[in-house]
Amino acid sequence: MLFAIFFNVLIQLFSNQQTVFKEQTIDNNIEIGYGMALGDVDGDGKPDILLADKKQFVWYRNGDWKRFVMIENLTEHDNVCIAAKDIDGDGLVEVAVGSQWNPAETSNEQQSGAVHYLIRPKDPTRLWTAKELHHEVTTHRMKWVRSAAGRYYLVVAPLHGKDNKNGAGAGVKVLAYEFPKDVNNPWDIVQLDTTLHLTHNFDIVTGGKDKGLYIASKEGVKFIPDEFSQTKNIKALPVLGVDKAAGEIKIGKMAGDKNFIATVEPMHGTAIVAYLTNDNAKRIVLDDNVKEGHALGIADFSGSGKDQVVAGWRSPNKDGKVGIKIYTMLDDSGEQWDAEWIDENGMACEDIQVADMNGDGKPDIVASGRATKNLKIYWNTGK
């Protein structure tokens, strides 16, 4: 029996050979690289890289990777996040940004948190202008989300609730800003939830029966349906068995059209974890040797039909290393995984985004590094 199990694992190991990535440094002089987005800025049909750096929001043109400043010194405190998506179907991304990053300040709305929509110039390589929107203190992460009714919203999740101290007190106001016909007019806002604390990041599921937002929080992973409405009361729902504090969250696909949830636990945590959601949320620890885990990506990099998990951390682990690893599911059950380095000690990872950056049909990895001050693409060359 043991021999049969060992033999099956060996078969899976050989059938899931490591996908080979070739790294390219795009910029080795960023200040922090808090957050990124990928999308077509200039209309050439290729995804560009958009970066929220310390005091500048910038984009890098796909191909020559020339860097362009969109806007700088928008607020007194640092920039923190950026969202980019083609909302109106013209082939160009709409861009929103979060700044005034001052997480210790949860009471003074003038000194903590800012949300702006960036209005593009005719030439996107020139400076953009900012339309100020409502904000909550400690605004931290944002994404464009299409609701069940087909309307687009900018969903914004702060880190803390107002007057929150040490992750306790008032809950975070997770807000959805409805994209208007005229961006200069007031934006209607739907309040999605006020019950969670330390909502560090969230992921979006756009297909299947569980369409909506999965939010990583102090209370674990929660689900918000995509039925945003001014008249319907929305709140975060529990995800059965996924109740440990988490900071990062991604939803992946297994064999047989099953899902799994990948997390970093806890916030800025030490463990990369997978939950098999179709198996009573069985918890599988993929790695417990990370420190300040701060980034996750998910895609089928190898073409196996099962998604792999990419994770990055920004402080030296027990072995004195920072970096990025890829975790591969070795069997259809999701209980056996293999880990391989993508970048060993060359990326103090702050954020990861995944997209096919060169149109070859294979997803690539883009990462920004804090202490290493770099921005890299890891090109998926296949096996």
Protein backbone atom coordinates (compact mmCIF):
# COMPACT_ATOMS: atom_id res chain seq x y z
CA MET A 1 0.00 0.00 0.00
CA LEU A 2 2.75 2.46 0.97
CA PHE A 3 4.67 1.55 -2.17
CA ALA A 4 1.59 2.29 -4.31
CA ILE A 5 1.19 5.72 -2.70
CA PHE A 6 4.89 6.48 -3.18
CA PHE A 7 4.70 5.33 -6.81
CA ASN A 8 1.67 7.55 -7.49
CA VAL A 9 3.42 10.56 -5.98
CA LEU A 10 6.45 9.91 -8.19
CA ILE A 11 4.21 9.81 -11.25
CA GLN A 12 2.67 13.12 -10.26
CA LEU A 13 6.08 14.67 -9.69
CA PHE A 14 7.21 13.78 -13.19
CA SER A 15 3.91 14.86 -14.73
CA ASN A 16 4.06 18.25 -12.97
CA GLN A 17 7.56 19.31 -13.93
CA GLN A 18 8.46 22.78 -12.83
CA THR A 19 7.44 25.52 -15.22
CA VAL A 20 10.55 27.45 -16.22
CA PHE A 21 10.49 31.23 -15.70
CA LYS A 22 13.02 33.65 -17.13
CA GLU A 23 13.35 36.81 -15.08
CA GLN A 24 13.71 40.32 -16.46
CA THR A 25 14.32 43.38 -14.31
CA ILE A 26 12.14 46.27 -15.47
CA ASP A 27 13.26 48.77 -12.84
CA ASN A 28 15.86 48.41 -10.09
CA ASN A 29 15.28 51.81 -8.51
CA ILE A 30 11.71 51.88 -7.21
CA GLU A 31 11.17 53.26 -3.72
CA ILE A 32 8.65 50.78 -2.31
CA GLY A 33 6.22 49.42 -4.92
CA TYR A 34 3.24 49.06 -2.58
CA GLY A 35 0.82 47.81 -5.22
CA MET A 36 0.45 47.08 -8.93
CA ALA A 37 -2.12 46.63 -11.66
CA LEU A 38 -1.82 45.28 -15.20
CA GLY A 39 -3.72 46.59 -18.21
CA ASP A 40 -3.53 48.40 -21.53
CA VAL A 41 -2.77 52.07 -20.89
CA ASP A 42 -1.86 53.23 -24.41
CA GLY A 43 -4.21 51.19 -26.61
CA ASP A 44 -1.65 48.99 -28.36
CA GLY A 45 -3.40 45.80 -27.27
CA LYS A 46 -0.68 44.78 -24.80
CA PRO A 47 -0.89 44.90 -20.99
CA ASP A 48 1.29 47.52 -19.35
CA ILE A 49 2.45 47.65 -15.73
CA LEU A 50 0.96 50.27 -13.41
CA LEU A 51 2.71 50.84 -10.08
CA ALA A 52 1.83 52.64 -6.86
CA ASP A 53 5.23 53.79 -5.63
CA LYS A 54 5.96 55.90 -2.58
CA LYS A 55 5.05 59.33 -3.99
CA GLN A 56 4.39 58.58 -7.66
CA PHE A 57 1.88 56.58 -9.64
CA VAL A 58 3.66 55.38 -12.77
CA TRP A 59 3.21 53.04 -15.72
CA TYR A 60 5.70 51.03 -17.77
CA ARG A 61 5.05 50.62 -21.49
CA ASN A 62 4.97 47.01 -22.67
CA GLY A 63 7.85 46.36 -25.06
CA ASP A 64 10.48 48.96 -24.26
CA TRP A 65 9.31 49.20 -20.62
CA LYS A 66 9.81 52.96 -20.56
CA ARG A 67 8.55 54.49 -17.33
CA PHE A 68 5.98 57.32 -17.33
CA VAL A 69 4.77 59.30 -14.33
CA MET A 70 0.98 59.58 -14.18
CA ILE A 71 0.76 61.79 -11.10
CA GLU A 72 3.03 62.53 -8.14
CA ASN A 73 2.82 64.05 -4.66
CA LEU A 74 -0.93 63.53 -4.70
CA THR A 75 -1.16 63.51 -0.90
CA GLU A 76 1.07 64.24 2.05
CA HIS A 77 1.59 60.58 2.95
CA ASP A 78 2.53 57.65 0.72
CA ASN A 79 0.60 56.08 -2.13
CA VAL A 80 -0.65 52.56 -1.41
CA CYS A 81 -2.79 50.97 -4.14
CA ILE A 82 -3.95 51.19 -7.75
CA ALA A 83 -6.78 49.62 -9.79
CA ALA A 84 -6.86 49.46 -13.61
CA LYS A 85 -9.49 47.91 -15.88
CA ASP A 86 -11.19 48.72 -19.18
CA ILE A 87 -14.62 49.74 -17.90
CA ASP A 88 -16.20 51.32 -20.98
CA GLY A 89 -14.92 48.91 -23.65
CA ASP A 90 -12.67 51.36 -25.51
CA GLY A 91 -9.56 49.19 -25.05
CA LEU A 92 -8.02 51.54 -22.49
CA VAL A 93 -7.92 51.03 -18.73
CA GLU A 94 -9.72 53.28 -16.31
CA VAL A 95 -7.48 53.97 -13.31
CA ALA A 96 -8.23 54.65 -9.65
CA VAL A 97 -5.67 55.09 -6.91
CA GLY A 98 -5.39 55.06 -3.11
CA SER A 99 -2.97 57.21 -1.15
CA GLN A 100 -2.43 59.12 2.14
CA TRP A 101 -1.25 55.81 3.61
CA ASN A 102 -1.01 56.42 7.35
CA PRO A 103 -2.26 53.21 9.01
CA ALA A 104 -1.57 54.28 12.58
CA GLU A 105 -4.05 57.15 12.19
CA THR A 106 -7.63 55.84 12.33
CA SER A 107 -9.46 58.94 13.57
CA ASN A 108 -8.32 61.95 11.54
CA GLU A 109 -9.87 61.63 8.07
CA GLN A 110 -7.66 64.43 6.73
CA GLN A 111 -4.49 62.57 7.69
CA SER A 112 -5.38 59.01 6.72
CA GLY A 113 -6.78 57.60 3.50
CA ALA A 114 -7.50 59.07 0.07
CA VAL A 115 -9.26 57.76 -3.04
CA HIS A 116 -8.93 59.38 -6.48
CA TYR A 117 -9.99 58.58 -10.02
CA LEU A 118 -7.29 59.50 -12.53
CA ILE A 119 -8.46 61.29 -15.68
CA ARG A 120 -6.27 60.44 -18.64
CA PRO A 121 -4.84 63.07 -20.97
CA LYS A 122 -5.03 62.62 -24.74
CA ASP A 123 -1.43 61.43 -24.59
CA PRO A 124 -1.19 58.95 -21.66
CA THR A 125 2.56 59.51 -21.37
CA ARG A 126 1.77 63.00 -20.04
CA LEU A 127 0.61 63.81 -16.51
CA TRP A 128 -2.90 62.72 -15.57
CA THR A 129 -5.32 64.69 -13.37
CA ALA A 130 -7.09 63.46 -10.23
CA LYS A 131 -10.75 63.50 -9.28
CA GLU A 132 -11.08 63.19 -5.50
CA LEU A 133 -13.64 60.68 -4.23
CA HIS A 134 -14.97 59.89 -0.77
CA HIS A 135 -12.54 57.93 1.38
CA GLU A 136 -12.31 56.13 4.69
CA VAL A 137 -9.31 56.17 7.01
CA THR A 138 -6.52 53.69 6.16
CA THR A 139 -7.72 53.08 2.58
CA HIS A 140 -5.56 50.11 1.56
CA ARG A 141 -6.76 47.97 -1.39
CA MET A 142 -9.06 48.55 -4.37
CA LYS A 143 -10.30 46.68 -7.46
CA TRP A 144 -12.80 47.27 -10.25
CA VAL A 145 -15.70 44.83 -9.95
CA ARG A 146 -18.60 44.13 -12.32
CA SER A 147 -21.83 43.56 -10.42
CA ALA A 148 -24.45 40.94 -11.20
CA ALA A 149 -26.51 43.70 -12.86
CA GLY A 150 -23.62 44.50 -15.21
CA ARG A 151 -22.56 47.81 -13.68
CA TYR A 152 -18.96 48.52 -12.69
CA TYR A 153 -17.92 49.53 -9.21
CA LEU A 154 -14.65 50.48 -7.60
CA VAL A 155 -14.53 48.36 -4.43
CA VAL A 156 -12.32 49.86 -1.72
CA ALA A 157 -11.26 48.08 1.47
CA PRO A 158 -9.51 50.03 4.25
CA LEU A 159 -7.20 48.26 6.69
CA HIS A 160 -8.98 49.54 9.83
CA GLY A 161 -12.35 50.91 10.79
CA LYS A 162 -12.66 54.47 12.05
CA ASP A 163 -11.16 54.93 15.53
CA ASN A 164 -9.98 51.31 15.43
CA LYS A 165 -7.14 50.51 17.83
CA ASN A 166 -4.93 47.43 17.53
CA GLY A 167 -7.32 45.69 15.16
CA ALA A 168 -10.32 46.15 17.48
CA GLY A 169 -13.25 48.52 17.65
CA ALA A 170 -15.31 49.70 14.71
CA GLY A 171 -15.42 47.43 11.69
CA VAL A 172 -13.98 48.32 8.29
CA LYS A 173 -16.36 50.00 5.86
CA VAL A 174 -16.00 48.06 2.61
CA LEU A 175 -17.40 50.41 -0.03
CA ALA A 176 -18.37 50.07 -3.69
CA TYR A 177 -18.26 53.26 -5.79
CA GLU A 178 -20.53 53.04 -8.85
CA PHE A 179 -18.75 54.15 -12.03
CA PRO A 180 -20.80 57.09 -13.40
CA LYS A 181 -21.43 58.18 -16.97
CA ASP A 182 -19.57 61.41 -16.18
CA VAL A 183 -16.65 60.81 -13.81
CA ASN A 184 -16.70 64.46 -12.77
CA ASN A 185 -20.16 64.03 -11.23
CA PRO A 186 -20.67 62.58 -7.73
CA TRP A 187 -20.16 58.81 -7.47
CA ASP A 188 -22.91 56.79 -5.75
CA ILE A 189 -21.59 54.53 -2.99
CA VAL A 190 -22.89 51.18 -1.74
CA GLN A 191 -21.78 50.03 1.71
CA LEU A 192 -20.95 46.33 1.47
CA ASP A 193 -19.93 45.41 5.01
CA THR A 194 -18.94 46.92 8.36
CA THR A 195 -18.24 43.83 10.47
CA LEU A 196 -14.63 42.92 9.66
CA HIS A 197 -11.26 44.06 11.00
CA LEU A 198 -7.83 44.18 9.35
CA THR A 199 -9.18 43.58 5.83
CA HIS A 200 -5.81 43.39 4.15
CA ASN A 201 -6.76 42.18 0.64
CA PHE A 202 -9.52 40.61 -1.44
CA ASP A 203 -10.05 38.57 -4.61
CA ILE A 204 -12.84 38.53 -7.19
CA VAL A 205 -14.59 35.49 -8.68
CA THR A 206 -16.35 36.36 -11.95
CA GLY A 207 -17.78 32.98 -13.01
CA GLY A 208 -19.63 30.04 -11.53
CA LYS A 209 -22.15 29.96 -8.73
CA ASP A 210 -20.04 31.85 -6.16
CA LYS A 211 -19.48 35.10 -8.04
CA GLY A 212 -18.39 37.89 -5.76
CA LEU A 213 -15.65 39.04 -3.42
CA TYR A 214 -13.56 36.93 -1.08
CA ILE A 215 -12.03 39.11 1.64
CA ALA A 216 -9.08 38.18 3.87
CA SER A 217 -9.54 39.61 7.36
CA LYS A 218 -8.77 39.18 11.03
CA GLU A 219 -11.94 37.08 11.21
CA GLY A 220 -10.83 34.79 8.38
CA VAL A 221 -12.06 34.66 4.79
CA LYS A 222 -15.52 36.12 4.13
CA PHE A 223 -17.66 36.23 0.98
CA ILE A 224 -19.63 39.18 -0.41
CA PRO A 225 -22.05 38.38 -3.28
CA ASP A 226 -21.74 40.57 -6.37
CA GLU A 227 -25.37 41.73 -6.13
CA PHE A 228 -24.48 45.33 -5.35
CA SER A 229 -27.48 47.63 -5.10
CA GLN A 230 -28.44 50.91 -3.49
CA THR A 231 -31.52 49.24 -2.01
CA LYS A 232 -30.23 45.80 -1.02
CA ASN A 233 -28.39 45.28 2.27
CA ILE A 234 -25.13 43.44 1.57
CA LYS A 235 -22.86 41.95 4.20
CA ALA A 236 -19.96 39.56 4.34
CA LEU A 237 -20.87 35.89 4.76
CA PRO A 238 -18.69 33.24 6.43
CA VAL A 239 -16.80 30.71 4.31
CA LEU A 240 -17.23 27.39 6.09
CA GLY A 241 -14.04 26.29 7.85
CA VAL A 242 -11.87 29.21 6.68
CA ASP A 243 -11.86 31.21 9.87
CA LYS A 244 -8.18 31.76 10.63
CA ALA A 245 -6.87 35.33 10.35
CA ALA A 246 -5.51 35.97 6.86
CA GLY A 247 -3.86 38.80 4.96
CA GLU A 248 -3.80 37.65 1.31
CA ILE A 249 -6.42 35.66 -0.59
CA LYS A 250 -6.74 34.06 -4.04
CA ILE A 251 -9.27 31.60 -5.45
CA GLY A 252 -7.95 28.78 -7.65
CA LYS A 253 -9.26 25.89 -9.75
CA MET A 254 -8.67 22.21 -9.11
CA ALA A 255 -9.53 19.20 -11.24
CA GLY A 256 -13.21 18.49 -11.78
CA ASP A 257 -14.22 22.16 -11.68
CA LYS A 258 -13.57 22.36 -7.95
CA ASN A 259 -12.23 25.48 -6.25
CA PHE A 260 -9.60 26.00 -3.60
CA ILE A 261 -8.70 29.04 -1.54
CA ALA A 262 -5.09 30.14 -1.06
CA THR A 263 -4.17 32.46 1.80
CA VAL A 264 -1.27 34.02 3.63
CA GLU A 265 -1.83 33.54 7.36
CA PRO A 266 -2.05 35.67 9.41
CA MET A 267 -1.78 39.21 8.00
CA HIS A 268 1.88 39.82 7.06
CA GLY A 269 2.12 36.18 7.96
CA THR A 270 4.36 33.15 8.14
CA ALA A 271 2.33 30.48 6.32
CA ILE A 272 1.07 29.86 2.79
CA VAL A 273 -2.11 27.81 3.07
CA ALA A 274 -4.60 26.11 0.73
CA TYR A 275 -8.18 25.26 1.69
CA LEU A 276 -9.96 22.55 -0.27
CA THR A 277 -13.37 24.19 -0.27
CA ASN A 278 -15.17 21.21 -1.79
CA ASP A 279 -13.84 18.97 1.00
CA ASN A 280 -15.17 20.73 4.12
CA ALA A 281 -12.43 23.34 3.76
CA LYS A 282 -9.58 20.97 4.55
CA ARG A 283 -6.55 23.07 5.47
CA ILE A 284 -3.21 22.26 3.78
CA VAL A 285 -0.09 24.21 4.83
CA LEU A 286 2.01 24.68 1.68
CA ASP A 287 4.88 26.52 3.39
CA ASP A 288 5.57 27.65 6.96
CA ASN A 289 8.95 29.25 6.29
CA VAL A 290 8.00 32.72 5.07
CA LYS A 291 8.11 36.03 6.90
CA GLU A 292 5.84 38.96 6.16
CA GLY A 293 4.07 37.13 3.37
CA HIS A 294 2.54 39.93 1.34
CA ALA A 295 1.63 38.68 -2.13
CA LEU A 296 -0.24 35.87 -3.86
CA GLY A 297 -0.94 34.98 -7.47
CA ILE A 298 -2.86 32.08 -8.99
CA ALA A 299 -2.93 30.68 -12.53
CA ASP A 300 -2.41 27.49 -14.50
CA PHE A 301 1.18 28.29 -15.41
CA SER A 302 2.03 24.76 -16.55
CA GLY A 303 -1.07 24.02 -18.63
CA SER A 304 -1.98 21.06 -16.40
CA GLY A 305 -5.60 22.08 -15.94
CA LYS A 306 -4.98 22.87 -12.26
CA ASP A 307 -3.98 26.28 -10.91
CA GLN A 308 -0.67 26.81 -9.15
CA VAL A 309 -0.04 29.24 -6.31
CA VAL A 310 2.68 31.89 -6.42
CA ALA A 311 3.62 33.54 -3.12
CA GLY A 312 6.11 36.24 -2.14
CA TRP A 313 7.39 37.58 1.14
CA ARG A 314 9.38 40.67 2.02
CA SER A 315 11.42 39.93 5.17
CA PRO A 316 14.15 37.28 5.57
CA ASN A 317 12.75 33.91 6.67
CA LYS A 318 14.39 31.38 9.01
CA ASP A 319 17.03 30.79 6.34
CA GLY A 320 17.68 34.50 5.87
CA LYS A 321 15.96 34.59 2.48
CA VAL A 322 13.26 36.63 0.82
CA GLY A 323 11.71 35.75 -2.49
CA ILE A 324 8.98 34.12 -4.52
CA LYS A 325 8.00 30.45 -4.69
CA ILE A 326 5.53 28.51 -6.81
CA TYR A 327 3.43 25.72 -5.31
CA THR A 328 2.14 22.94 -7.56
CA MET A 329 -0.69 20.52 -6.77
CA LEU A 330 0.59 16.99 -7.38
CA ASP A 331 -2.68 15.08 -7.35
CA ASP A 332 -6.33 15.72 -8.12
CA SER A 333 -7.23 15.57 -4.42
CA GLY A 334 -5.21 18.72 -3.67
CA GLU A 335 -3.53 17.15 -0.66
CA GLN A 336 -0.03 16.76 -2.16
CA TRP A 337 1.97 19.84 -3.20
CA ASP A 338 5.49 20.65 -4.37
CA ALA A 339 7.34 23.95 -3.86
CA GLU A 340 10.01 25.49 -6.10
CA TRP A 341 11.83 28.80 -6.08
CA ILE A 342 11.07 31.38 -8.74
CA ASP A 343 13.28 34.06 -7.21
CA GLU A 344 15.58 33.02 -4.38
CA ASN A 345 16.67 36.04 -2.34
CA GLY A 346 16.34 38.54 -5.19
CA MET A 347 12.86 39.93 -4.52
CA ALA A 348 11.62 41.28 -1.17
CA CYS A 349 8.12 40.90 -2.48
CA GLU A 350 5.48 43.54 -1.86
CA ASP A 351 2.97 42.65 -4.58
CA ILE A 352 2.39 40.07 -7.34
CA GLN A 353 0.17 40.33 -10.41
CA VAL A 354 -0.37 37.69 -13.10
CA ALA A 355 -1.20 38.13 -16.80
CA ASP A 356 -0.09 36.98 -20.24
CA MET A 357 2.31 39.85 -20.89
CA ASN A 358 3.56 38.84 -24.37
CA GLY A 359 0.53 37.21 -25.98
CA ASP A 360 1.96 33.67 -26.13
CA GLY A 361 -0.98 32.18 -24.26
CA LYS A 362 0.98 31.51 -21.05
CA PRO A 363 0.49 33.55 -17.85
CA ASP A 364 3.53 35.50 -16.64
CA ILE A 365 4.34 36.90 -13.20
CA VAL A 366 5.04 40.54 -12.35
CA ALA A 367 6.40 41.40 -8.90
CA SER A 368 7.55 44.48 -7.02
CA GLY A 369 10.10 44.41 -4.21
CA ARG A 370 10.32 46.66 -1.20
CA ALA A 371 13.76 46.23 0.41
CA THR A 372 15.20 45.09 -2.93
CA LYS A 373 13.67 48.15 -4.67
CA ASN A 374 12.99 46.28 -7.90
CA LEU A 375 10.26 45.51 -10.39
CA LYS A 376 10.54 42.26 -12.35
CA ILE A 377 8.72 40.15 -14.91
CA TYR A 378 9.11 36.39 -14.70
CA TRP A 379 8.43 35.18 -18.23
CA ASN A 380 6.70 31.81 -18.45
CA THR A 381 8.76 29.82 -20.95
CA GLY A 382 6.87 26.56 -20.41
CA LYS A 383 8.47 23.26 -19.42
